[in-house]
Amino acid sequence: MRTTLTLADDVAAAVERLRRERSIGMSEAVNELVRAGLAIQRKPAAPFQQKSHDLGRGLDFDNVADALETLDGPSSS
């Protein structure tokens, strides 16, 4: 397939370096670099696991007023 590409400066430099090192044409160098990139096996992300820690005294959040009183002390109203 024939196409026109605009290469970033760093990519163009890598293509030119490979082309010179191996005495190959531009198309062959681009193809080799693309194939090398496609061959990289990416590891799947590890599944997320929530970490929890025992914070000691537990709070009952069923009654918010009681939980606030436990945390802040008795209200002064």
C-alpha atoms as a PDB file:
ATOM      1  CA  MET A   1       0.000   0.000   0.000  1.00  0.00           C
ATOM      2  CA  ARG A   2       1.351   3.396  -0.886  1.00  0.00           C
ATOM      3  CA  THR A   3       0.574   6.287   1.451  1.00  0.00           C
ATOM      4  CA  THR A   4       1.935   9.596   2.671  1.00  0.00           C
ATOM      5  CA  LEU A   5       2.924   9.990   6.310  1.00  0.00           C
ATOM      6  CA  THR A   6       4.028  12.897   8.433  1.00  0.00           C
ATOM      7  CA  LEU A   7       6.550  11.595  10.961  1.00  0.00           C
ATOM      8  CA  ALA A   8       7.438  13.262  14.226  1.00  0.00           C
ATOM      9  CA  ASP A   9      11.052  14.395  14.417  1.00  0.00           C
ATOM     10  CA  ASP A  10      12.075  11.613  16.822  1.00  0.00           C
ATOM     11  CA  VAL A  11      10.399   8.947  14.682  1.00  0.00           C
ATOM     12  CA  ALA A  12      11.989  10.295  11.507  1.00  0.00           C
ATOM     13  CA  ALA A  13      15.377  10.208  13.236  1.00  0.00           C
ATOM     14  CA  ALA A  14      14.826   6.573  14.285  1.00  0.00           C
ATOM     15  CA  VAL A  15      13.836   5.645  10.722  1.00  0.00           C
ATOM     16  CA  GLU A  16      16.884   7.414   9.312  1.00  0.00           C
ATOM     17  CA  ARG A  17      19.195   5.770  11.861  1.00  0.00           C
ATOM     18  CA  LEU A  18      17.853   2.287  11.055  1.00  0.00           C
ATOM     19  CA  ARG A  19      18.002   3.003   7.323  1.00  0.00           C
ATOM     20  CA  ARG A  20      21.676   3.988   7.548  1.00  0.00           C
ATOM     21  CA  GLU A  21      22.655   1.144   9.899  1.00  0.00           C
ATOM     22  CA  ARG A  22      21.171  -1.519   7.642  1.00  0.00           C
ATOM     23  CA  SER A  23      21.545   0.193   4.262  1.00  0.00           C
ATOM     24  CA  ILE A  24      17.843  -0.200   3.552  1.00  0.00           C
ATOM     25  CA  GLY A  25      15.195   2.040   2.061  1.00  0.00           C
ATOM     26  CA  MET A  26      12.816   4.302   3.927  1.00  0.00           C
ATOM     27  CA  SER A  27       9.795   2.017   3.430  1.00  0.00           C
ATOM     28  CA  GLU A  28      11.635  -1.038   4.711  1.00  0.00           C
ATOM     29  CA  ALA A  29      12.890   0.863   7.777  1.00  0.00           C
ATOM     30  CA  VAL A  30       9.406   2.163   8.602  1.00  0.00           C
ATOM     31  CA  ASN A  31       7.942  -1.321   8.169  1.00  0.00           C
ATOM     32  CA  GLU A  32      10.555  -2.869  10.472  1.00  0.00           C
ATOM     33  CA  LEU A  33       9.951  -0.278  13.181  1.00  0.00           C
ATOM     34  CA  VAL A  34       6.174  -0.655  12.955  1.00  0.00           C
ATOM     35  CA  ARG A  35       6.431  -4.443  13.121  1.00  0.00           C
ATOM     36  CA  ALA A  36       8.736  -4.195  16.146  1.00  0.00           C
ATOM     37  CA  GLY A  37       6.204  -1.944  17.869  1.00  0.00           C
ATOM     38  CA  LEU A  38       3.334  -4.291  17.077  1.00  0.00           C
ATOM     39  CA  ALA A  39       5.281  -7.287  18.412  1.00  0.00           C
ATOM     40  CA  ILE A  40       5.648  -5.808  21.902  1.00  0.00           C
ATOM     41  CA  GLN A  41       3.496  -7.792  24.272  1.00  0.00           C
ATOM     42  CA  ARG A  42       1.796  -5.478  26.717  1.00  0.00           C
ATOM     43  CA  LYS A  43       0.983  -6.920  30.100  1.00  0.00           C
ATOM     44  CA  PRO A  44      -2.666  -6.572  31.043  1.00  0.00           C
ATOM     45  CA  ALA A  45      -3.260  -4.315  34.008  1.00  0.00           C
ATOM     46  CA  ALA A  46      -3.618  -6.131  37.301  1.00  0.00           C
ATOM     47  CA  PRO A  47      -7.201  -6.189  38.577  1.00  0.00           C
ATOM     48  CA  PHE A  48      -7.935  -3.487  41.117  1.00  0.00           C
ATOM     49  CA  GLN A  49      -8.135  -4.651  44.719  1.00  0.00           C
ATOM     50  CA  GLN A  50      -9.224  -2.292  47.462  1.00  0.00           C
ATOM     51  CA  LYS A  51      -6.862  -2.387  50.411  1.00  0.00           C
ATOM     52  CA  SER A  52      -8.349  -1.870  53.821  1.00  0.00           C
ATOM     53  CA  HIS A  53      -6.840  -1.490  57.246  1.00  0.00           C
ATOM     54  CA  ASP A  54      -8.203  -2.033  60.714  1.00  0.00           C
ATOM     55  CA  LEU A  55      -8.520   1.411  62.240  1.00  0.00           C
ATOM     56  CA  GLY A  56      -9.427   0.133  65.660  1.00  0.00           C
ATOM     57  CA  ARG A  57     -12.679   1.375  67.116  1.00  0.00           C
ATOM     58  CA  GLY A  58     -15.463   1.111  64.591  1.00  0.00           C
ATOM     59  CA  LEU A  59     -18.266   3.577  64.123  1.00  0.00           C
ATOM     60  CA  ASP A  60     -21.891   2.832  63.473  1.00  0.00           C
ATOM     61  CA  PHE A  61     -22.923   5.159  60.677  1.00  0.00           C
ATOM     62  CA  ASP A  62     -26.592   4.190  60.868  1.00  0.00           C
ATOM     63  CA  ASN A  63     -27.134   7.180  63.145  1.00  0.00           C
ATOM     64  CA  VAL A  64     -25.096  10.127  61.890  1.00  0.00           C
ATOM     65  CA  ALA A  65     -25.707  12.192  65.051  1.00  0.00           C
ATOM     66  CA  ASP A  66     -24.258   9.423  67.226  1.00  0.00           C
ATOM     67  CA  ALA A  67     -21.254   9.030  64.906  1.00  0.00           C
ATOM     68  CA  LEU A  68     -20.555  12.799  65.027  1.00  0.00           C
ATOM     69  CA  GLU A  69     -20.894  12.822  68.800  1.00  0.00           C
ATOM     70  CA  THR A  70     -18.412   9.952  69.036  1.00  0.00           C
ATOM     71  CA  LEU A  71     -15.940  11.776  66.791  1.00  0.00           C
ATOM     72  CA  ASP A  72     -16.412  15.351  67.998  1.00  0.00           C
ATOM     73  CA  GLY A  73     -17.715  14.891  71.517  1.00  0.00           C
ATOM     74  CA  PRO A  74     -21.113  15.950  72.819  1.00  0.00           C
ATOM     75  CA  SER A  75     -22.704  18.953  71.135  1.00  0.00           C
ATOM     76  CA  SER A  76     -22.902  22.121  73.215  1.00  0.00           C
ATOM     77  CA  SER A  77     -26.410  23.179  72.159  1.00  0.00           C
END
